[in-house]
Protein backbone atom coordinates (compact mmCIF):
# COMPACT_ATOMS: atom_id res chain seq x y z
CA UNK A 1 0.00 0.00 0.00
CA UNK A 2 1.27 3.46 -0.88
CA UNK A 3 1.22 6.22 1.75
CA UNK A 4 1.65 9.75 0.44
CA UNK A 5 3.03 12.44 2.73
CA UNK A 6 3.04 16.19 2.23
CA UNK A 7 5.95 17.01 4.54
CA UNK A 8 9.66 16.15 4.60
CA UNK A 9 8.99 13.16 6.87
CA UNK A 10 6.31 11.56 9.04
CA UNK A 11 6.76 10.10 12.50
CA UNK A 12 5.98 6.42 13.00
CA UNK A 13 3.12 7.26 15.38
CA UNK A 14 1.50 9.41 12.67
CA UNK A 15 1.88 6.59 10.15
CA UNK A 16 0.17 4.21 12.59
CA UNK A 17 -2.74 6.66 12.85
CA UNK A 18 -3.24 7.27 9.14
CA UNK A 19 -3.07 3.54 8.39
CA UNK A 20 -5.68 2.84 11.11
CA UNK A 21 -3.48 0.72 13.38
CA UNK A 22 -4.26 3.15 16.22
CA UNK A 23 -6.97 5.75 16.68
CA UNK A 24 -5.23 8.19 19.04
CA UNK A 25 -1.67 9.33 19.54
CA UNK A 26 -1.79 8.08 23.11
CA UNK A 27 -2.05 4.50 21.88
CA UNK A 28 1.26 4.79 20.00
CA UNK A 29 3.48 4.12 23.00
CA UNK A 30 2.04 0.66 23.63
CA UNK A 31 1.38 -0.10 19.95
CA UNK A 32 5.04 0.23 18.93
CA UNK A 33 6.01 -2.24 21.66
CA UNK A 34 3.20 -4.70 20.88
CA UNK A 35 3.15 -4.65 17.05
CA UNK A 36 5.84 -6.20 14.87
CA UNK A 37 7.13 -3.13 12.99
CA UNK A 38 10.01 -3.09 10.52
CA UNK A 39 11.34 0.09 8.91
CA UNK A 40 13.56 -0.51 5.90
CA UNK A 41 14.20 -4.07 7.10
CA UNK A 42 15.07 -3.20 10.71
CA UNK A 43 12.92 -3.78 13.82
CA UNK A 44 11.53 -0.50 15.14
CA UNK A 45 9.88 0.36 18.45
CA UNK A 46 10.35 4.14 18.67
CA UNK A 47 7.09 5.97 18.07
CA UNK A 48 8.95 9.16 17.11
CA UNK A 49 11.04 7.45 14.41
CA UNK A 50 11.15 9.70 11.35
CA UNK A 51 9.96 8.00 8.18
CA UNK A 52 11.07 9.61 4.91
CA UNK A 53 9.79 9.18 1.35
CA UNK A 54 11.30 6.06 -0.16
CA UNK A 55 11.07 4.13 3.11
CA UNK A 56 9.22 0.85 3.43
CA UNK A 57 7.38 0.09 6.66
CA UNK A 58 6.00 -3.37 7.42
CA UNK A 59 3.48 -3.59 10.27
CA UNK A 60 2.29 -7.06 11.24
CA UNK A 61 3.11 -8.27 7.73
CA UNK A 62 1.35 -5.40 5.92
CA UNK A 63 3.68 -3.40 3.70
CA UNK A 64 3.49 0.40 3.35
CA UNK A 65 5.62 2.38 0.89
CA UNK A 66 6.03 6.03 1.84
CA UNK A 67 6.02 8.50 -1.04
CA UNK A 68 6.21 12.27 -1.28
CA UNK A 69 3.13 13.95 -2.71
CA UNK A 70 4.45 16.21 -5.44
CA UNK A 71 1.20 18.15 -5.97
PDB file of N, CA and C in Angstrom:
ATOM      1  N   UNK A   1       0.841  -1.175   0.000  1.00  0.00           N
ATOM      2  CA  UNK A   1       0.000   0.000   0.000  1.00  0.00           C
ATOM      3  C   UNK A   1       0.890   1.243   0.000  1.00  0.00           C
ATOM      4  N   UNK A   2       0.530   2.212  -0.798  1.00  0.00           N
ATOM      5  CA  UNK A   2       1.274   3.464  -0.882  1.00  0.00           C
ATOM      6  C   UNK A   2       0.712   4.462   0.138  1.00  0.00           C
ATOM      7  N   UNK A   3       1.617   5.170   0.816  1.00  0.00           N
ATOM      8  CA  UNK A   3       1.223   6.220   1.752  1.00  0.00           C
ATOM      9  C   UNK A   3       1.900   7.497   1.284  1.00  0.00           C
ATOM     10  N   UNK A   4       1.101   8.480   0.906  1.00  0.00           N
ATOM     11  CA  UNK A   4       1.655   9.751   0.440  1.00  0.00           C
ATOM     12  C   UNK A   4       1.730  10.730   1.603  1.00  0.00           C
ATOM     13  N   UNK A   5       2.884  11.429   1.692  1.00  0.00           N
ATOM     14  CA  UNK A   5       3.034  12.441   2.733  1.00  0.00           C
ATOM     15  C   UNK A   5       3.306  13.786   2.080  1.00  0.00           C
ATOM     16  N   UNK A   6       2.941  14.838   2.776  1.00  0.00           N
ATOM     17  CA  UNK A   6       3.042  16.194   2.227  1.00  0.00           C
ATOM     18  C   UNK A   6       4.154  16.992   2.895  1.00  0.00           C
ATOM     19  N   UNK A   7       4.870  16.364   3.807  1.00  0.00           N
ATOM     20  CA  UNK A   7       5.947  17.013   4.542  1.00  0.00           C
ATOM     21  C   UNK A   7       7.255  16.269   4.263  1.00  0.00           C
ATOM     22  N   UNK A   8       8.347  16.760   4.819  1.00  0.00           N
ATOM     23  CA  UNK A   8       9.657  16.145   4.597  1.00  0.00           C
ATOM     24  C   UNK A   8       9.694  14.712   5.136  1.00  0.00           C
ATOM     25  N   UNK A   9       9.044  14.496   6.257  1.00  0.00           N
ATOM     26  CA  UNK A   9       8.990  13.164   6.872  1.00  0.00           C
ATOM     27  C   UNK A   9       7.710  13.030   7.687  1.00  0.00           C
ATOM     28  N   UNK A  10       7.448  11.828   8.167  1.00  0.00           N
ATOM     29  CA  UNK A  10       6.308  11.563   9.038  1.00  0.00           C
ATOM     30  C   UNK A  10       6.830  10.695  10.185  1.00  0.00           C
ATOM     31  N   UNK A  11       6.336  10.936  11.380  1.00  0.00           N
ATOM     32  CA  UNK A  11       6.756  10.098  12.500  1.00  0.00           C
ATOM     33  C   UNK A  11       5.988   8.784  12.461  1.00  0.00           C
ATOM     34  N   UNK A  12       6.592   7.742  13.002  1.00  0.00           N
ATOM     35  CA  UNK A  12       5.983   6.420  13.005  1.00  0.00           C
ATOM     36  C   UNK A  12       4.598   6.457  13.642  1.00  0.00           C
ATOM     37  N   UNK A  13       4.429   7.197  14.729  1.00  0.00           N
ATOM     38  CA  UNK A  13       3.119   7.261  15.383  1.00  0.00           C
ATOM     39  C   UNK A  13       2.057   7.869  14.466  1.00  0.00           C
ATOM     40  N   UNK A  14       2.436   8.826  13.629  1.00  0.00           N
ATOM     41  CA  UNK A  14       1.503   9.411  12.672  1.00  0.00           C
ATOM     42  C   UNK A  14       1.137   8.398  11.590  1.00  0.00           C
ATOM     43  N   UNK A  15       2.126   7.625  11.154  1.00  0.00           N
ATOM     44  CA  UNK A  15       1.878   6.593  10.154  1.00  0.00           C
ATOM     45  C   UNK A  15       0.908   5.545  10.703  1.00  0.00           C
ATOM     46  N   UNK A  16       1.084   5.170  11.957  1.00  0.00           N
ATOM     47  CA  UNK A  16       0.173   4.211  12.586  1.00  0.00           C
ATOM     48  C   UNK A  16      -1.258   4.746  12.611  1.00  0.00           C
ATOM     49  N   UNK A  17      -1.400   6.056  12.830  1.00  0.00           N
ATOM     50  CA  UNK A  17      -2.741   6.656  12.854  1.00  0.00           C
ATOM     51  C   UNK A  17      -3.368   6.680  11.468  1.00  0.00           C
ATOM     52  N   UNK A  18      -2.632   7.126  10.467  1.00  0.00           N
ATOM     53  CA  UNK A  18      -3.244   7.268   9.138  1.00  0.00           C
ATOM     54  C   UNK A  18      -3.502   5.927   8.466  1.00  0.00           C
ATOM     55  N   UNK A  19      -2.822   4.879   8.936  1.00  0.00           N
ATOM     56  CA  UNK A  19      -3.067   3.538   8.385  1.00  0.00           C
ATOM     57  C   UNK A  19      -4.029   2.741   9.268  1.00  0.00           C
ATOM     58  N   UNK A  20      -4.648   3.417  10.226  1.00  0.00           N
ATOM     59  CA  UNK A  20      -5.683   2.844  11.107  1.00  0.00           C
ATOM     60  C   UNK A  20      -5.220   1.727  12.031  1.00  0.00           C
ATOM     61  N   UNK A  21      -3.944   1.685  12.387  1.00  0.00           N
ATOM     62  CA  UNK A  21      -3.478   0.718  13.383  1.00  0.00           C
ATOM     63  C   UNK A  21      -3.817   1.204  14.785  1.00  0.00           C
ATOM     64  N   UNK A  22      -3.854   2.542  14.949  1.00  0.00           N
ATOM     65  CA  UNK A  22      -4.261   3.147  16.219  1.00  0.00           C
ATOM     66  C   UNK A  22      -5.233   4.270  15.909  1.00  0.00           C
ATOM     67  N   UNK A  23      -6.023   4.665  16.917  1.00  0.00           N
ATOM     68  CA  UNK A  23      -6.973   5.750  16.676  1.00  0.00           C
ATOM     69  C   UNK A  23      -6.563   7.049  17.362  1.00  0.00           C
ATOM     70  N   UNK A  24      -5.700   6.970  18.374  1.00  0.00           N
ATOM     71  CA  UNK A  24      -5.229   8.185  19.045  1.00  0.00           C
ATOM     72  C   UNK A  24      -3.722   8.118  19.216  1.00  0.00           C
ATOM     73  N   UNK A  25      -3.120   9.278  19.341  1.00  0.00           N
ATOM     74  CA  UNK A  25      -1.674   9.331  19.537  1.00  0.00           C
ATOM     75  C   UNK A  25      -1.242   8.667  20.828  1.00  0.00           C
ATOM     76  N   UNK A  26      -2.100   8.692  21.831  1.00  0.00           N
ATOM     77  CA  UNK A  26      -1.787   8.081  23.110  1.00  0.00           C
ATOM     78  C   UNK A  26      -1.597   6.578  23.038  1.00  0.00           C
ATOM     79  N   UNK A  27      -2.181   5.951  22.048  1.00  0.00           N
ATOM     80  CA  UNK A  27      -2.049   4.501  21.881  1.00  0.00           C
ATOM     81  C   UNK A  27      -0.702   4.112  21.272  1.00  0.00           C
ATOM     82  N   UNK A  28       0.011   5.083  20.716  1.00  0.00           N
ATOM     83  CA  UNK A  28       1.256   4.794  19.996  1.00  0.00           C
ATOM     84  C   UNK A  28       2.319   4.161  20.879  1.00  0.00           C
ATOM     85  N   UNK A  29       2.425   4.616  22.108  1.00  0.00           N
ATOM     86  CA  UNK A  29       3.479   4.120  22.995  1.00  0.00           C
ATOM     87  C   UNK A  29       3.387   2.607  23.191  1.00  0.00           C
ATOM     88  N   UNK A  30       2.194   2.106  23.441  1.00  0.00           N
ATOM     89  CA  UNK A  30       2.043   0.660  23.631  1.00  0.00           C
ATOM     90  C   UNK A  30       2.022  -0.075  22.296  1.00  0.00           C
ATOM     91  N   UNK A  31       1.482   0.556  21.265  1.00  0.00           N
ATOM     92  CA  UNK A  31       1.383  -0.102  19.950  1.00  0.00           C
ATOM     93  C   UNK A  31       2.755  -0.424  19.382  1.00  0.00           C
ATOM     94  N   UNK A  32       3.716   0.484  19.507  1.00  0.00           N
ATOM     95  CA  UNK A  32       5.041   0.232  18.932  1.00  0.00           C
ATOM     96  C   UNK A  32       5.762  -0.898  19.660  1.00  0.00           C
ATOM     97  N   UNK A  33       5.411  -1.129  20.913  1.00  0.00           N
ATOM     98  CA  UNK A  33       6.009  -2.240  21.664  1.00  0.00           C
ATOM     99  C   UNK A  33       5.316  -3.570  21.338  1.00  0.00           C
ATOM    100  N   UNK A  34       4.002  -3.503  21.088  1.00  0.00           N
ATOM    101  CA  UNK A  34       3.200  -4.701  20.875  1.00  0.00           C
ATOM    102  C   UNK A  34       3.233  -5.202  19.426  1.00  0.00           C
ATOM    103  N   UNK A  35       3.195  -4.279  18.466  1.00  0.00           N
ATOM    104  CA  UNK A  35       3.153  -4.653  17.054  1.00  0.00           C
ATOM    105  C   UNK A  35       4.542  -5.004  16.526  1.00  0.00           C
ATOM    106  N   UNK A  36       4.587  -5.874  15.543  1.00  0.00           N
ATOM    107  CA  UNK A  36       5.841  -6.198  14.867  1.00  0.00           C
ATOM    108  C   UNK A  36       6.018  -5.182  13.742  1.00  0.00           C
ATOM    109  N   UNK A  37       6.922  -4.223  13.950  1.00  0.00           N
ATOM    110  CA  UNK A  37       7.128  -3.131  12.993  1.00  0.00           C
ATOM    111  C   UNK A  37       8.564  -3.164  12.488  1.00  0.00           C
ATOM    112  N   UNK A  38       8.702  -3.138  11.156  1.00  0.00           N
ATOM    113  CA  UNK A  38      10.012  -3.087  10.519  1.00  0.00           C
ATOM    114  C   UNK A  38      10.064  -1.846   9.635  1.00  0.00           C
ATOM    115  N   UNK A  39      11.134  -1.077   9.768  1.00  0.00           N
ATOM    116  CA  UNK A  39      11.339   0.091   8.909  1.00  0.00           C
ATOM    117  C   UNK A  39      12.609  -0.164   8.112  1.00  0.00           C
ATOM    118  N   UNK A  40      12.442  -0.223   6.806  1.00  0.00           N
ATOM    119  CA  UNK A  40      13.559  -0.514   5.897  1.00  0.00           C
ATOM    120  C   UNK A  40      14.338  -1.754   6.342  1.00  0.00           C
ATOM    121  N   UNK A  41      13.599  -2.787   6.761  1.00  0.00           N
ATOM    122  CA  UNK A  41      14.196  -4.069   7.101  1.00  0.00           C
ATOM    123  C   UNK A  41      14.725  -4.198   8.518  1.00  0.00           C
ATOM    124  N   UNK A  42      14.572  -3.150   9.340  1.00  0.00           N
ATOM    125  CA  UNK A  42      15.065  -3.204  10.712  1.00  0.00           C
ATOM    126  C   UNK A  42      13.917  -3.045  11.698  1.00  0.00           C
ATOM    127  N   UNK A  43      13.944  -3.840  12.779  1.00  0.00           N
ATOM    128  CA  UNK A  43      12.919  -3.780  13.822  1.00  0.00           C
ATOM    129  C   UNK A  43      12.879  -2.380  14.416  1.00  0.00           C
ATOM    130  N   UNK A  44      11.675  -1.860  14.605  1.00  0.00           N
ATOM    131  CA  UNK A  44      11.533  -0.501  15.138  1.00  0.00           C
ATOM    132  C   UNK A  44      10.498  -0.476  16.249  1.00  0.00           C
ATOM    133  N   UNK A  45      10.832   0.207  17.359  1.00  0.00           N
ATOM    134  CA  UNK A  45       9.876   0.356  18.454  1.00  0.00           C
ATOM    135  C   UNK A  45       9.865   1.772  19.027  1.00  0.00           C
ATOM    136  N   UNK A  46      10.374   2.728  18.247  1.00  0.00           N
ATOM    137  CA  UNK A  46      10.349   4.135  18.671  1.00  0.00           C
ATOM    138  C   UNK A  46       9.212   4.853  17.939  1.00  0.00           C
ATOM    139  N   UNK A  47       8.249   5.337  18.695  1.00  0.00           N
ATOM    140  CA  UNK A  47       7.092   5.973  18.070  1.00  0.00           C
ATOM    141  C   UNK A  47       7.450   7.265  17.347  1.00  0.00           C
ATOM    142  N   UNK A  48       8.535   7.908  17.738  1.00  0.00           N
ATOM    143  CA  UNK A  48       8.950   9.157  17.110  1.00  0.00           C
ATOM    144  C   UNK A  48       9.889   8.973  15.933  1.00  0.00           C
ATOM    145  N   UNK A  49      10.138   7.737  15.541  1.00  0.00           N
ATOM    146  CA  UNK A  49      11.043   7.455  14.414  1.00  0.00           C
ATOM    147  C   UNK A  49      10.578   8.202  13.177  1.00  0.00           C
ATOM    148  N   UNK A  50      11.484   8.946  12.553  1.00  0.00           N
ATOM    149  CA  UNK A  50      11.150   9.699  11.347  1.00  0.00           C
ATOM    150  C   UNK A  50      11.173   8.766  10.139  1.00  0.00           C
ATOM    151  N   UNK A  51      10.092   8.815   9.376  1.00  0.00           N
ATOM    152  CA  UNK A  51       9.957   8.003   8.177  1.00  0.00           C
ATOM    153  C   UNK A  51       9.972   8.949   6.974  1.00  0.00           C
ATOM    154  N   UNK A  52      10.901   8.740   6.079  1.00  0.00           N
ATOM    155  CA  UNK A  52      11.067   9.611   4.912  1.00  0.00           C
ATOM    156  C   UNK A  52      10.528   8.952   3.646  1.00  0.00           C
ATOM    157  N   UNK A  53      10.209   9.762   2.628  1.00  0.00           N
ATOM    158  CA  UNK A  53       9.793   9.184   1.347  1.00  0.00           C
ATOM    159  C   UNK A  53      10.860   8.210   0.851  1.00  0.00           C
ATOM    160  N   UNK A  54      10.398   7.098   0.306  1.00  0.00           N
ATOM    161  CA  UNK A  54      11.303   6.059  -0.160  1.00  0.00           C
ATOM    162  C   UNK A  54      11.457   4.928   0.847  1.00  0.00           C
ATOM    163  N   UNK A  55      10.984   5.158   2.075  1.00  0.00           N
ATOM    164  CA  UNK A  55      11.069   4.129   3.107  1.00  0.00           C
ATOM    165  C   UNK A  55       9.942   3.115   2.945  1.00  0.00           C
ATOM    166  N   UNK A  56      10.222   1.906   3.406  1.00  0.00           N
ATOM    167  CA  UNK A  56       9.222   0.852   3.428  1.00  0.00           C
ATOM    168  C   UNK A  56       9.002   0.461   4.877  1.00  0.00           C
ATOM    169  N   UNK A  57       7.741   0.454   5.296  1.00  0.00           N
ATOM    170  CA  UNK A  57       7.375   0.091   6.657  1.00  0.00           C
ATOM    171  C   UNK A  57       6.468  -1.134   6.590  1.00  0.00           C
ATOM    172  N   UNK A  58       6.810  -2.164   7.358  1.00  0.00           N
ATOM    173  CA  UNK A  58       5.998  -3.366   7.419  1.00  0.00           C
ATOM    174  C   UNK A  58       5.468  -3.485   8.842  1.00  0.00           C
ATOM    175  N   UNK A  59       4.131  -3.480   8.969  1.00  0.00           N
ATOM    176  CA  UNK A  59       3.477  -3.588  10.269  1.00  0.00           C
ATOM    177  C   UNK A  59       2.647  -4.858  10.262  1.00  0.00           C
ATOM    178  N   UNK A  60       3.012  -5.791  11.140  1.00  0.00           N
ATOM    179  CA  UNK A  60       2.292  -7.061  11.244  1.00  0.00           C
ATOM    180  C   UNK A  60       2.122  -7.732   9.872  1.00  0.00           C
ATOM    181  N   UNK A  61       3.150  -7.630   9.033  1.00  0.00           N
ATOM    182  CA  UNK A  61       3.106  -8.270   7.726  1.00  0.00           C
ATOM    183  C   UNK A  61       2.494  -7.432   6.605  1.00  0.00           C
ATOM    184  N   UNK A  62       1.914  -6.284   6.948  1.00  0.00           N
ATOM    185  CA  UNK A  62       1.347  -5.399   5.916  1.00  0.00           C
ATOM    186  C   UNK A  62       2.389  -4.365   5.523  1.00  0.00           C
ATOM    187  N   UNK A  63       2.620  -4.251   4.217  1.00  0.00           N
ATOM    188  CA  UNK A  63       3.683  -3.396   3.700  1.00  0.00           C
ATOM    189  C   UNK A  63       3.144  -2.030   3.271  1.00  0.00           C
ATOM    190  N   UNK A  64       3.839  -0.970   3.708  1.00  0.00           N
ATOM    191  CA  UNK A  64       3.490   0.404   3.347  1.00  0.00           C
ATOM    192  C   UNK A  64       4.715   1.072   2.746  1.00  0.00           C
ATOM    193  N   UNK A  65       4.537   1.653   1.555  1.00  0.00           N
ATOM    194  CA  UNK A  65       5.620   2.378   0.889  1.00  0.00           C
ATOM    195  C   UNK A  65       5.316   3.862   0.996  1.00  0.00           C
ATOM    196  N   UNK A  66       6.242   4.599   1.613  1.00  0.00           N
ATOM    197  CA  UNK A  66       6.034   6.028   1.840  1.00  0.00           C
ATOM    198  C   UNK A  66       6.545   6.815   0.646  1.00  0.00           C
ATOM    199  N   UNK A  67       5.684   7.684   0.119  1.00  0.00           N
ATOM    200  CA  UNK A  67       6.024   8.505  -1.040  1.00  0.00           C
ATOM    201  C   UNK A  67       5.712   9.967  -0.751  1.00  0.00           C
ATOM    202  N   UNK A  68       6.484  10.848  -1.392  1.00  0.00           N
ATOM    203  CA  UNK A  68       6.213  12.270  -1.285  1.00  0.00           C
ATOM    204  C   UNK A  68       5.103  12.626  -2.254  1.00  0.00           C
ATOM    205  N   UNK A  69       4.171  13.463  -1.806  1.00  0.00           N
ATOM    206  CA  UNK A  69       3.132  13.951  -2.707  1.00  0.00           C
ATOM    207  C   UNK A  69       3.673  15.203  -3.387  1.00  0.00           C
ATOM    208  N   UNK A  70       3.833  15.121  -4.673  1.00  0.00           N
ATOM    209  CA  UNK A  70       4.446  16.213  -5.436  1.00  0.00           C
ATOM    210  C   UNK A  70       3.457  17.305  -5.831  1.00  0.00           C
ATOM    211  N   UNK A  71       2.177  17.133  -5.536  1.00  0.00           N
ATOM    212  CA  UNK A  71       1.197  18.148  -5.967  1.00  0.00           C
ATOM    213  C   UNK A  71       1.141  19.332  -5.052  1.00  0.00           C
TER     214      UNK A  71
END
